[in-house]
Amino acid sequence: MTTTINMEIDETTANIYTAAPAEDRNRLSVLWGVLIREYQAAPSSLGKLMDEIGNKAEERGLTAEELESILHAG
């Protein structure tokens, strides 16, 4: 069973998501589900997970300042 949720994200991310093929959007939905269930299982590890995601983003060329801006956008 699935349900629809609404969440605020930055415009660039929204555009990437909506432009992705349906199969990729489905995979991203599964990924979000896993991430949220992992958070529920161990909420104290959310900071660690965010650090890991930040490190991977920086490895791909996104600066710490850009990451901070994204986190505080909206």
N, C-alpha and C. Protein backbone atom coordinates (compact mmCIF):
# COMPACT_ATOMS: atom_id res chain seq x y z
N MET A 1 0.84 -1.17 0.00
CA MET A 1 0.00 0.00 0.00
C MET A 1 0.89 1.24 0.00
N THR A 2 0.52 2.24 -0.75
CA THR A 2 1.26 3.50 -0.79
C THR A 2 0.32 4.65 -0.47
N THR A 3 0.93 5.76 -0.11
CA THR A 3 0.19 7.00 0.13
C THR A 3 1.05 8.16 -0.35
N THR A 4 0.44 9.27 -0.61
CA THR A 4 1.15 10.45 -1.10
C THR A 4 1.39 11.40 0.07
N ILE A 5 2.61 11.95 0.12
CA ILE A 5 2.95 12.97 1.10
C ILE A 5 3.45 14.19 0.35
N ASN A 6 3.36 15.34 0.98
CA ASN A 6 3.90 16.57 0.42
C ASN A 6 5.06 17.02 1.29
N MET A 7 6.16 17.43 0.66
CA MET A 7 7.27 17.98 1.42
C MET A 7 7.91 19.08 0.59
N GLU A 8 8.45 20.07 1.30
CA GLU A 8 9.08 21.19 0.62
C GLU A 8 10.53 20.85 0.31
N ILE A 9 10.92 21.07 -0.94
CA ILE A 9 12.30 20.91 -1.37
C ILE A 9 12.65 22.09 -2.27
N ASP A 10 13.93 22.28 -2.50
CA ASP A 10 14.34 23.40 -3.33
C ASP A 10 13.91 23.17 -4.79
N GLU A 11 13.80 24.25 -5.52
CA GLU A 11 13.29 24.20 -6.89
C GLU A 11 14.15 23.35 -7.81
N THR A 12 15.46 23.43 -7.67
CA THR A 12 16.35 22.65 -8.53
C THR A 12 16.10 21.16 -8.35
N THR A 13 16.01 20.73 -7.10
CA THR A 13 15.76 19.33 -6.81
C THR A 13 14.40 18.90 -7.36
N ALA A 14 13.40 19.74 -7.19
CA ALA A 14 12.07 19.43 -7.71
C ALA A 14 12.10 19.27 -9.22
N ASN A 15 12.83 20.14 -9.91
CA ASN A 15 12.92 20.05 -11.36
C ASN A 15 13.63 18.77 -11.80
N ILE A 16 14.67 18.40 -11.08
CA ILE A 16 15.39 17.17 -11.41
C ILE A 16 14.45 15.98 -11.24
N TYR A 17 13.71 15.97 -10.14
CA TYR A 17 12.80 14.86 -9.86
C TYR A 17 11.72 14.76 -10.93
N THR A 18 11.08 15.88 -11.26
CA THR A 18 9.99 15.83 -12.22
C THR A 18 10.47 15.50 -13.63
N ALA A 19 11.73 15.81 -13.93
CA ALA A 19 12.27 15.50 -15.25
C ALA A 19 12.76 14.06 -15.37
N ALA A 20 12.90 13.39 -14.24
CA ALA A 20 13.42 12.01 -14.25
C ALA A 20 12.37 11.07 -14.83
N PRO A 21 12.83 10.00 -15.47
CA PRO A 21 11.89 8.99 -15.97
C PRO A 21 11.08 8.38 -14.82
N ALA A 22 9.90 7.89 -15.13
CA ALA A 22 9.01 7.32 -14.10
C ALA A 22 9.70 6.22 -13.30
N GLU A 23 10.48 5.39 -13.96
CA GLU A 23 11.17 4.30 -13.26
C GLU A 23 12.13 4.86 -12.21
N ASP A 24 12.85 5.92 -12.55
CA ASP A 24 13.77 6.54 -11.60
C ASP A 24 13.01 7.20 -10.45
N ARG A 25 11.88 7.83 -10.75
CA ARG A 25 11.08 8.44 -9.69
C ARG A 25 10.57 7.37 -8.72
N ASN A 26 10.19 6.22 -9.25
CA ASN A 26 9.76 5.12 -8.39
C ASN A 26 10.90 4.65 -7.50
N ARG A 27 12.09 4.56 -8.05
CA ARG A 27 13.25 4.15 -7.26
C ARG A 27 13.56 5.18 -6.18
N LEU A 28 13.44 6.45 -6.52
CA LEU A 28 13.67 7.50 -5.52
C LEU A 28 12.64 7.42 -4.40
N SER A 29 11.41 7.09 -4.73
CA SER A 29 10.38 6.93 -3.70
C SER A 29 10.73 5.79 -2.75
N VAL A 30 11.23 4.70 -3.30
CA VAL A 30 11.66 3.58 -2.47
C VAL A 30 12.82 4.02 -1.58
N LEU A 31 13.76 4.75 -2.16
CA LEU A 31 14.91 5.24 -1.39
C LEU A 31 14.46 6.13 -0.23
N TRP A 32 13.52 7.04 -0.49
CA TRP A 32 13.00 7.89 0.58
C TRP A 32 12.36 7.05 1.67
N GLY A 33 11.62 6.03 1.28
CA GLY A 33 10.99 5.15 2.26
C GLY A 33 12.02 4.48 3.16
N VAL A 34 13.09 4.00 2.56
CA VAL A 34 14.16 3.36 3.33
C VAL A 34 14.79 4.37 4.27
N LEU A 35 15.09 5.55 3.77
CA LEU A 35 15.72 6.59 4.58
C LEU A 35 14.85 6.96 5.78
N ILE A 36 13.57 7.13 5.57
CA ILE A 36 12.68 7.52 6.66
C ILE A 36 12.52 6.39 7.67
N ARG A 37 12.45 5.15 7.20
CA ARG A 37 12.38 4.02 8.14
C ARG A 37 13.67 3.89 8.94
N GLU A 38 14.81 4.14 8.31
CA GLU A 38 16.08 4.12 9.02
C GLU A 38 16.11 5.21 10.09
N TYR A 39 15.58 6.36 9.76
CA TYR A 39 15.50 7.45 10.74
C TYR A 39 14.65 7.02 11.94
N GLN A 40 13.51 6.41 11.66
CA GLN A 40 12.63 5.98 12.75
C GLN A 40 13.32 4.95 13.64
N ALA A 41 14.08 4.06 13.04
CA ALA A 41 14.76 3.01 13.79
C ALA A 41 15.86 3.56 14.68
N ALA A 42 16.52 4.62 14.24
CA ALA A 42 17.64 5.18 14.99
C ALA A 42 17.74 6.68 14.74
N PRO A 43 16.82 7.48 15.31
CA PRO A 43 16.81 8.92 15.02
C PRO A 43 18.10 9.63 15.36
N SER A 44 18.86 9.12 16.30
CA SER A 44 20.11 9.79 16.66
C SER A 44 21.15 9.69 15.56
N SER A 45 20.96 8.77 14.61
CA SER A 45 21.94 8.62 13.54
C SER A 45 21.64 9.52 12.34
N LEU A 46 20.57 10.33 12.41
CA LEU A 46 20.24 11.22 11.30
C LEU A 46 21.39 12.17 11.01
N GLY A 47 22.00 12.71 12.04
CA GLY A 47 23.14 13.61 11.85
C GLY A 47 24.29 12.91 11.15
N LYS A 48 24.56 11.68 11.54
CA LYS A 48 25.62 10.90 10.90
C LYS A 48 25.29 10.66 9.43
N LEU A 49 24.04 10.30 9.15
CA LEU A 49 23.62 10.07 7.77
C LEU A 49 23.76 11.35 6.95
N MET A 50 23.36 12.48 7.53
CA MET A 50 23.48 13.75 6.82
C MET A 50 24.94 14.09 6.56
N ASP A 51 25.81 13.78 7.52
CA ASP A 51 27.24 14.01 7.31
C ASP A 51 27.77 13.17 6.15
N GLU A 52 27.34 11.91 6.08
CA GLU A 52 27.78 11.03 5.00
C GLU A 52 27.30 11.55 3.65
N ILE A 53 26.04 11.99 3.60
CA ILE A 53 25.50 12.55 2.36
C ILE A 53 26.27 13.80 1.98
N GLY A 54 26.57 14.65 2.97
CA GLY A 54 27.34 15.87 2.72
C GLY A 54 28.72 15.56 2.18
N ASN A 55 29.37 14.57 2.76
CA ASN A 55 30.70 14.17 2.28
C ASN A 55 30.66 13.70 0.83
N LYS A 56 29.65 12.91 0.50
CA LYS A 56 29.52 12.43 -0.88
C LYS A 56 29.24 13.59 -1.84
N ALA A 57 28.41 14.54 -1.40
CA ALA A 57 28.11 15.70 -2.24
C ALA A 57 29.37 16.52 -2.47
N GLU A 58 30.17 16.71 -1.43
CA GLU A 58 31.42 17.46 -1.58
C GLU A 58 32.38 16.75 -2.51
N GLU A 59 32.42 15.41 -2.45
CA GLU A 59 33.27 14.64 -3.36
C GLU A 59 32.86 14.87 -4.81
N ARG A 60 31.59 15.20 -5.02
CA ARG A 60 31.07 15.45 -6.37
C ARG A 60 31.15 16.92 -6.76
N GLY A 61 31.80 17.73 -5.90
CA GLY A 61 32.05 19.12 -6.27
C GLY A 61 31.15 20.15 -5.62
N LEU A 62 30.20 19.74 -4.79
CA LEU A 62 29.34 20.69 -4.11
C LEU A 62 30.06 21.19 -2.87
N THR A 63 30.18 22.50 -2.72
CA THR A 63 30.94 23.06 -1.59
C THR A 63 30.11 23.02 -0.31
N ALA A 64 30.80 23.14 0.81
CA ALA A 64 30.12 23.17 2.11
C ALA A 64 29.15 24.34 2.18
N GLU A 65 29.53 25.47 1.60
CA GLU A 65 28.66 26.65 1.61
C GLU A 65 27.39 26.38 0.81
N GLU A 66 27.52 25.72 -0.34
CA GLU A 66 26.34 25.40 -1.14
C GLU A 66 25.43 24.42 -0.40
N LEU A 67 26.02 23.44 0.26
CA LEU A 67 25.23 22.50 1.06
C LEU A 67 24.48 23.23 2.17
N GLU A 68 25.17 24.12 2.86
CA GLU A 68 24.55 24.89 3.94
C GLU A 68 23.40 25.73 3.40
N SER A 69 23.61 26.34 2.25
CA SER A 69 22.57 27.15 1.63
C SER A 69 21.35 26.30 1.29
N ILE A 70 21.58 25.11 0.78
CA ILE A 70 20.48 24.20 0.45
C ILE A 70 19.72 23.80 1.71
N LEU A 71 20.46 23.49 2.77
CA LEU A 71 19.82 23.07 4.02
C LEU A 71 18.95 24.16 4.62
N HIS A 72 19.34 25.42 4.41
CA HIS A 72 18.61 26.52 5.02
C HIS A 72 17.70 27.25 4.05
N ALA A 73 17.56 26.74 2.83
CA ALA A 73 16.69 27.37 1.83
C ALA A 73 15.23 27.16 2.24
N GLY A 74 14.42 28.09 1.87
CA GLY A 74 13.00 27.93 2.12
C GLY A 74 12.60 28.63 3.34
